[in-house]
Amino acid sequence: TPTDNPIIESLNGWIKEEMRIDFNLKYAEDIPSFIENYINYFNTQRLAYSLQYKNPVQYRIEQGFT
């Protein structure tokens, strides 16, 4: 929906900025592999405020989903 677009664009910009600054995208030799590794990090390892600073895997285990 049109109201979702600003939220997605904001997240997209945040992810690109994080990849560029925190993960040194400029020096990546294999971009597809770099993106795959980042997606794995984002989905399994990153600490999230909304999950009480736990990574998604820890949170799912504590909630009994895994």
Protein backbone atom coordinates (compact mmCIF):
# COMPACT_ATOMS: atom_id res chain seq x y z
CA THR A 1 0.00 0.00 0.00
CA PRO A 2 1.15 3.59 -0.44
CA THR A 3 1.54 4.05 3.32
CA ASP A 4 3.98 1.11 3.49
CA ASN A 5 6.34 2.60 0.92
CA PRO A 6 8.02 5.23 3.19
CA ILE A 7 8.66 2.58 5.84
CA ILE A 8 10.22 0.17 3.34
CA GLU A 9 12.28 2.96 1.76
CA SER A 10 13.55 4.02 5.18
CA LEU A 11 14.56 0.45 6.06
CA ASN A 12 16.19 0.03 2.67
CA GLY A 13 18.25 3.20 3.16
CA TRP A 14 19.26 2.14 6.68
CA ILE A 15 20.41 -1.29 5.44
CA LYS A 16 22.40 0.22 2.57
CA GLU A 17 24.08 2.70 4.91
CA GLU A 18 24.93 -0.06 7.40
CA MET A 19 26.40 -2.21 4.62
CA ARG A 20 28.47 0.69 3.33
CA ILE A 21 29.81 1.99 6.64
CA ASP A 22 29.76 -0.88 9.17
CA PHE A 23 30.52 -3.75 6.80
CA ASN A 24 32.88 -1.99 4.34
CA LEU A 25 30.93 -2.67 1.16
CA LYS A 26 33.46 -0.55 -0.71
CA TYR A 27 36.14 -3.22 -0.17
CA ALA A 28 33.99 -6.29 -0.88
CA GLU A 29 35.37 -8.42 -3.69
CA ASP A 30 32.28 -10.55 -4.31
CA ILE A 31 29.12 -8.43 -4.02
CA PRO A 32 26.54 -11.28 -4.28
CA SER A 33 28.37 -13.21 -1.55
CA PHE A 34 28.66 -10.05 0.55
CA ILE A 35 24.91 -9.45 0.30
CA GLU A 36 24.13 -13.08 1.13
CA ASN A 37 26.35 -12.89 4.22
CA TYR A 38 24.72 -9.62 5.29
CA ILE A 39 21.22 -11.12 4.92
CA ASN A 40 22.31 -14.07 7.06
CA TYR A 41 23.68 -11.66 9.67
CA PHE A 42 20.52 -9.53 9.57
CA ASN A 43 18.19 -12.51 9.97
CA THR A 44 20.13 -14.51 12.58
CA GLN A 45 22.80 -12.51 14.41
CA ARG A 46 21.97 -8.81 14.71
CA LEU A 47 20.77 -7.53 18.06
CA ALA A 48 17.39 -5.81 17.85
CA TYR A 49 15.91 -3.25 20.22
CA SER A 50 12.41 -4.61 19.63
CA LEU A 51 13.60 -8.07 20.74
CA GLN A 52 15.10 -6.74 24.01
CA TYR A 53 18.59 -6.64 22.43
CA LYS A 54 18.56 -10.32 21.54
CA ASN A 55 19.25 -11.73 18.13
CA PRO A 56 16.28 -13.21 16.24
CA VAL A 57 17.39 -16.80 16.87
CA GLN A 58 17.68 -16.28 20.64
CA TYR A 59 14.30 -14.59 20.73
CA ARG A 60 12.55 -17.37 18.78
CA ILE A 61 14.08 -20.02 21.04
CA GLU A 62 12.97 -18.18 24.18
CA GLN A 63 9.46 -17.82 22.74
CA GLY A 64 9.32 -21.56 22.03
CA PHE A 65 9.24 -21.29 18.23
CA THR A 66 12.40 -23.32 17.58
